[in-house]
């Protein structure tokens, strides 16, 4: 009888970034411009690497895949956020919410592993230059990219499987601009404390392993170059600064969203914007501005 009286939630109400119409109009212009730059920038990098024969190398192959993932990641939540600025009632269906969660973690998890692959490429190029061509062959490059997609998919499916069957029968307001597990799981009509622990562990293990591997990789690269080159420090910085910057910008928000949530609404919204909107915009800019070959192309 209790189950019959419960009303199943078929949609969620998104509260968005703010309630002021004037501020929403301003944010509409800002985020529309940022999204357009992100899409055009990442498409430009992909096309440039495909067209220019001089950029047909493992590093640029991985960079093209990073641009594609950033293109997809920014398109998971940003278009919905932009159109919601024009609406008084911001609503997302249950299915749409689950899709945002799935694709957000799919592309996010894939990007984590791809960044590790890019660090491995730099490790081989700098620490084992004589074996670079034989190690980073076409088969290896395709294998690294496929691994990132497979791990991203497995991570996303595991996250979705833990949340999709939860009963949602009461509150349905999300104080954010998109659906994500830490917010949605709080609306479930059951005790989710153990489930939250498993979900955080799932996201935390992937993020922590990738972040530690990246730290070790770049630390070893810097140490190796400084050890074997007179001007090793400057070479190391020019080679790895772009990669390290992207790693910090990408993993910083992830750590505070999933591993050590601050539970401060405006901070959570800022981190979510940075992760979903700003990072996909900065990645192509960081790599291209510090890359002479792409500048020449």
Protein backbone atom coordinates (compact mmCIF):
# COMPACT_ATOMS: atom_id res chain seq x y z
CA UNK A 1 0.00 0.00 0.00
CA UNK A 2 2.87 2.32 0.83
CA UNK A 3 4.44 1.68 -2.57
CA UNK A 4 1.15 2.48 -4.31
CA UNK A 5 0.82 5.82 -2.52
CA UNK A 6 4.31 6.91 -3.51
CA UNK A 7 4.51 9.08 -6.63
CA UNK A 8 7.45 8.22 -8.85
CA UNK A 9 9.54 11.22 -9.93
CA UNK A 10 9.63 11.47 -13.73
CA UNK A 11 11.53 14.77 -13.90
CA UNK A 12 13.79 17.00 -11.85
CA UNK A 13 13.68 20.76 -11.34
CA UNK A 14 17.02 22.47 -11.93
CA UNK A 15 17.49 25.61 -9.85
CA UNK A 16 20.38 26.80 -12.02
CA UNK A 17 23.18 29.19 -11.17
CA UNK A 18 21.03 32.10 -10.00
CA UNK A 19 17.46 33.43 -9.86
CA UNK A 20 18.02 36.97 -11.18
CA UNK A 21 16.81 37.43 -14.78
CA UNK A 22 19.35 40.21 -15.39
CA UNK A 23 22.22 38.02 -14.24
CA UNK A 24 20.89 35.08 -16.25
CA UNK A 25 20.83 37.23 -19.41
CA UNK A 26 24.43 38.21 -18.75
CA UNK A 27 25.45 34.59 -18.14
CA UNK A 28 23.62 33.53 -21.32
CA UNK A 29 25.93 35.74 -23.40
CA UNK A 30 29.05 34.68 -21.49
CA UNK A 31 28.50 30.92 -21.58
CA UNK A 32 27.21 30.94 -25.16
CA UNK A 33 30.44 32.65 -26.21
CA UNK A 34 32.60 30.27 -24.15
CA UNK A 35 30.82 27.23 -25.57
CA UNK A 36 31.19 28.48 -29.15
CA UNK A 37 34.92 29.10 -28.61
CA UNK A 38 35.31 25.65 -27.03
CA UNK A 39 33.58 23.87 -29.91
CA UNK A 40 35.41 25.81 -32.63
CA UNK A 41 38.77 25.53 -30.86
CA UNK A 42 38.62 21.77 -30.39
CA UNK A 43 37.28 21.17 -33.91
CA UNK A 44 40.07 23.38 -35.29
CA UNK A 45 42.74 21.34 -33.50
CA UNK A 46 41.28 18.03 -34.70
CA UNK A 47 41.07 19.20 -38.31
CA UNK A 48 44.55 20.75 -38.19
CA UNK A 49 46.11 17.52 -36.93
CA UNK A 50 44.24 15.47 -39.55
CA UNK A 51 45.11 17.76 -42.47
CA UNK A 52 48.72 18.69 -41.68
CA UNK A 53 51.10 15.82 -42.47
CA UNK A 54 53.77 17.24 -40.12
CA UNK A 55 51.45 16.64 -37.16
CA UNK A 56 50.94 12.95 -37.88
CA UNK A 57 52.79 11.73 -34.79
CA UNK A 58 51.73 9.90 -31.59
CA UNK A 59 51.68 13.05 -29.47
CA UNK A 60 49.33 14.88 -31.83
CA UNK A 61 47.21 11.78 -32.36
CA UNK A 62 46.58 11.71 -28.60
CA UNK A 63 46.04 15.48 -28.57
CA UNK A 64 43.39 15.16 -31.30
CA UNK A 65 41.60 12.56 -29.19
CA UNK A 66 41.80 14.85 -26.16
CA UNK A 67 40.19 17.63 -28.21
CA UNK A 68 37.44 15.24 -29.27
CA UNK A 69 36.75 14.23 -25.66
CA UNK A 70 36.71 17.89 -24.57
CA UNK A 71 34.30 18.64 -27.43
CA UNK A 72 31.99 15.88 -26.17
CA UNK A 73 32.41 16.67 -22.47
CA UNK A 74 31.48 20.32 -22.92
CA UNK A 75 28.41 19.29 -24.95
CA UNK A 76 26.99 17.06 -22.20
CA UNK A 77 25.83 19.89 -19.92
CA UNK A 78 26.58 23.31 -21.44
CA UNK A 79 23.86 23.43 -24.18
CA UNK A 80 21.20 22.52 -21.61
CA UNK A 81 22.50 25.18 -19.22
CA UNK A 82 22.46 27.83 -21.96
CA UNK A 83 18.88 27.07 -23.04
CA UNK A 84 17.76 27.02 -19.40
CA UNK A 85 18.81 30.67 -19.04
CA UNK A 86 15.87 31.44 -21.37
CA UNK A 87 13.34 29.45 -19.33
CA UNK A 88 11.49 30.27 -16.17
CA UNK A 89 10.88 26.62 -15.31
CA UNK A 90 14.08 24.64 -15.71
CA UNK A 91 13.17 20.96 -15.95
CA UNK A 92 15.03 17.84 -17.00
CA UNK A 93 13.44 14.42 -17.45
CA UNK A 94 14.58 11.45 -15.39
CA UNK A 95 15.98 9.84 -18.56
CA UNK A 96 17.76 13.06 -19.54
CA UNK A 97 19.24 13.30 -16.06
CA UNK A 98 20.57 9.73 -16.24
CA UNK A 99 22.03 10.47 -19.69
CA UNK A 100 23.90 13.49 -18.33
CA UNK A 101 25.32 11.36 -15.52
CA UNK A 102 26.33 8.55 -17.89
CA UNK A 103 28.01 10.68 -20.56
CA UNK A 104 29.58 13.05 -18.02
CA UNK A 105 31.37 10.17 -16.30
CA UNK A 106 32.03 8.39 -19.61
CA UNK A 107 33.93 11.30 -21.15
CA UNK A 108 35.39 12.44 -17.81
CA UNK A 109 36.75 8.98 -16.99
CA UNK A 110 38.04 8.58 -20.52
CA UNK A 111 39.89 11.90 -20.31
CA UNK A 112 41.59 10.88 -17.06
CA UNK A 113 43.02 7.75 -18.67
CA UNK A 114 43.92 9.63 -21.87
CA UNK A 115 45.93 12.16 -19.86
CA UNK A 116 47.88 9.22 -18.41
CA UNK A 117 48.49 7.97 -21.97
CA UNK A 118 49.80 11.40 -22.96
CA UNK A 119 52.14 11.36 -19.96
CA UNK A 120 53.41 7.94 -21.05
CA UNK A 121 54.04 9.30 -24.55
CA UNK A 122 56.13 12.15 -23.12
CA UNK A 123 57.96 9.71 -20.84
CA UNK A 124 59.00 7.53 -23.79
CA UNK A 125 59.90 10.55 -25.94
CA UNK A 126 62.11 12.15 -23.29
CA UNK A 127 63.47 9.19 -21.31
CA UNK A 128 63.78 6.65 -24.15
CA UNK A 129 64.15 8.72 -27.32
CA UNK A 130 65.97 6.02 -29.31
CA UNK A 131 63.11 3.58 -28.78
CA UNK A 132 60.30 6.09 -29.26
CA UNK A 133 59.34 5.07 -32.80
CA UNK A 134 59.28 1.37 -31.99
CA UNK A 135 57.34 1.76 -28.72
CA UNK A 136 54.84 4.44 -29.75
CA UNK A 137 53.81 2.80 -33.01
CA UNK A 138 50.35 2.99 -34.54
CA UNK A 139 49.13 -0.11 -32.73
CA UNK A 140 50.24 1.25 -29.36
CA UNK A 141 48.56 4.63 -29.98
CA UNK A 142 45.26 3.02 -30.96
CA UNK A 143 45.51 0.69 -27.96
CA UNK A 144 46.02 3.60 -25.55
CA UNK A 145 43.03 5.49 -26.96
CA UNK A 146 40.82 2.38 -26.92
CA UNK A 147 41.85 1.71 -23.31
CA UNK A 148 40.77 5.20 -22.29
CA UNK A 149 37.35 4.73 -23.91
CA UNK A 150 36.86 1.26 -22.41
CA UNK A 151 37.80 2.35 -18.88
CA UNK A 152 35.64 5.46 -19.19
CA UNK A 153 32.69 3.32 -20.31
CA UNK A 154 33.20 0.77 -17.51
CA UNK A 155 33.44 3.55 -14.92
CA UNK A 156 30.31 5.27 -16.24
CA UNK A 157 28.25 2.06 -16.38
CA UNK A 158 29.25 1.16 -12.81
CA UNK A 159 28.19 4.62 -11.59
CA UNK A 160 24.88 4.52 -13.45
CA UNK A 161 24.06 0.99 -12.31
CA UNK A 162 24.30 2.06 -8.66
CA UNK A 163 21.92 5.00 -9.00
CA UNK A 164 19.39 4.24 -11.74
CA UNK A 165 17.29 1.82 -9.65
CA UNK A 166 17.03 4.11 -6.62
CA UNK A 167 13.48 5.13 -5.64
CA UNK A 168 12.79 8.83 -6.28
CA UNK A 169 9.40 9.71 -4.86
CA UNK A 170 9.67 12.99 -2.98
CA UNK A 171 11.85 16.10 -3.43
CA UNK A 172 13.05 16.73 -6.96
CA UNK A 173 14.95 20.04 -6.88
CA UNK A 174 18.61 20.05 -7.92
CA UNK A 175 20.52 23.11 -6.74
CA UNK A 176 22.84 23.13 -9.75
CA UNK A 177 22.76 23.57 -13.52
CA UNK A 178 23.06 19.87 -14.41
CA UNK A 179 22.57 16.37 -13.02
CA UNK A 180 25.41 14.73 -11.16
CA UNK A 181 25.45 11.83 -8.75
CA UNK A 182 26.31 13.70 -5.49
CA UNK A 183 23.20 15.89 -5.98
CA UNK A 184 20.78 13.32 -7.41
CA UNK A 185 21.51 10.65 -4.81
CA UNK A 186 20.42 13.03 -2.02
CA UNK A 187 16.88 13.03 -3.49
CA UNK A 188 16.41 9.28 -3.19
CA UNK A 189 13.67 8.05 -0.83
CA UNK A 190 15.95 5.66 1.01
CA UNK A 191 19.12 5.59 3.06
CA UNK A 192 22.01 6.06 0.62
CA UNK A 193 24.93 6.41 3.03
CA UNK A 194 26.51 3.08 2.06
CA UNK A 195 25.80 3.66 -1.62
CA UNK A 196 27.40 7.11 -1.46
CA UNK A 197 30.50 5.50 0.01
CA UNK A 198 30.68 3.00 -2.88
CA UNK A 199 30.09 5.68 -5.51
CA UNK A 200 32.75 7.96 -4.04
CA UNK A 201 35.12 5.00 -3.85
CA UNK A 202 34.46 4.19 -7.51
CA UNK A 203 35.16 7.73 -8.69
CA UNK A 204 37.91 8.19 -6.13
CA UNK A 205 39.88 5.09 -7.11
CA UNK A 206 39.97 6.03 -10.80
CA UNK A 207 40.84 9.68 -10.13
CA UNK A 208 43.42 8.88 -7.45
CA UNK A 209 45.21 6.19 -9.48
CA UNK A 210 45.38 8.41 -12.57
CA UNK A 211 46.53 11.43 -10.57
CA UNK A 212 49.26 9.51 -8.71
CA UNK A 213 50.51 7.91 -11.95
CA UNK A 214 50.62 11.35 -13.58
CA UNK A 215 52.53 12.89 -10.67
CA UNK A 216 55.08 10.07 -10.69
CA UNK A 217 55.44 10.19 -14.48
CA UNK A 218 56.06 13.92 -14.74
CA UNK A 219 58.31 13.95 -11.67
CA UNK A 220 60.45 11.23 -13.26
CA UNK A 221 60.51 13.08 -16.59
CA UNK A 222 61.67 16.31 -14.93
CA UNK A 223 64.27 14.46 -12.89
CA UNK A 224 65.61 12.60 -15.93
CA UNK A 225 66.01 15.72 -18.08
CA UNK A 226 67.60 17.75 -15.30
CA UNK A 227 70.05 14.89 -14.70
CA UNK A 228 71.19 14.45 -18.30
CA UNK A 229 71.06 17.97 -19.72
CA UNK A 230 72.84 21.21 -18.89
CA UNK A 231 69.73 23.26 -19.52
CA UNK A 232 67.49 20.42 -18.47
CA UNK A 233 65.29 22.53 -16.23
CA UNK A 234 64.22 24.91 -18.98
CA UNK A 235 63.71 22.07 -21.47
CA UNK A 236 61.67 20.11 -18.97
CA UNK A 237 59.47 23.08 -18.21
CA UNK A 238 58.89 23.89 -21.88
CA UNK A 239 58.05 20.25 -22.62
CA UNK A 240 55.85 19.39 -19.66
CA UNK A 241 54.31 22.66 -18.43
CA UNK A 242 51.31 22.39 -20.74
CA UNK A 243 50.63 18.78 -19.72
CA UNK A 244 51.02 19.49 -16.01
CA UNK A 245 48.77 22.57 -16.23
CA UNK A 246 46.00 20.56 -17.89
CA UNK A 247 46.33 17.80 -15.29
CA UNK A 248 46.00 20.25 -12.39
CA UNK A 249 43.05 22.08 -13.98
CA UNK A 250 41.22 18.84 -14.72
CA UNK A 251 41.86 16.89 -11.51
CA UNK A 252 41.53 19.85 -9.12
CA UNK A 253 37.74 20.22 -9.44
CA UNK A 254 37.27 16.42 -9.61
CA UNK A 255 39.03 15.94 -6.29
CA UNK A 256 36.85 18.48 -4.48
CA UNK A 257 33.61 17.33 -6.16
CA UNK A 258 33.97 13.59 -5.55
CA UNK A 259 36.77 12.88 -3.07
CA UNK A 260 36.56 15.77 -0.59
CA UNK A 261 33.22 17.52 -1.22
CA UNK A 262 33.03 20.87 0.54
CA UNK A 263 29.19 20.93 0.68
CA UNK A 264 29.18 24.69 0.03
CA UNK A 265 26.65 25.41 -2.71
CA UNK A 266 28.38 28.31 -4.47
CA UNK A 267 31.75 26.52 -4.32
CA UNK A 268 30.23 23.33 -5.76
CA UNK A 269 28.65 25.33 -8.59
CA UNK A 270 31.94 27.10 -9.33
CA UNK A 271 33.85 23.80 -9.43
CA UNK A 272 31.18 22.25 -11.65
CA UNK A 273 31.39 25.18 -14.09
CA UNK A 274 35.17 24.97 -14.11
CA UNK A 275 35.11 21.22 -14.77
CA UNK A 276 32.34 21.18 -17.39
CA UNK A 277 32.83 24.52 -19.17
CA UNK A 278 36.22 26.10 -18.50
CA UNK A 279 38.55 23.07 -18.68
CA UNK A 280 37.42 21.95 -22.18
CA UNK A 281 38.02 25.55 -23.28
CA UNK A 282 41.48 25.87 -21.73
CA UNK A 283 42.91 22.55 -22.90
CA UNK A 284 43.23 23.45 -26.61
CA UNK A 285 44.46 26.94 -25.74
CA UNK A 286 47.14 25.64 -23.36
CA UNK A 287 48.48 23.04 -25.77
CA UNK A 288 48.45 25.27 -28.85
CA UNK A 289 49.89 28.41 -27.26
CA UNK A 290 52.95 26.49 -26.03
CA UNK A 291 53.42 24.38 -29.16
CA UNK A 292 55.60 25.77 -31.95
CA UNK A 293 54.63 23.08 -34.47
CA UNK A 294 50.90 23.77 -34.12
CA UNK A 295 51.57 27.52 -34.32
CA UNK A 296 53.48 27.00 -37.57
CA UNK A 297 50.75 24.74 -38.94
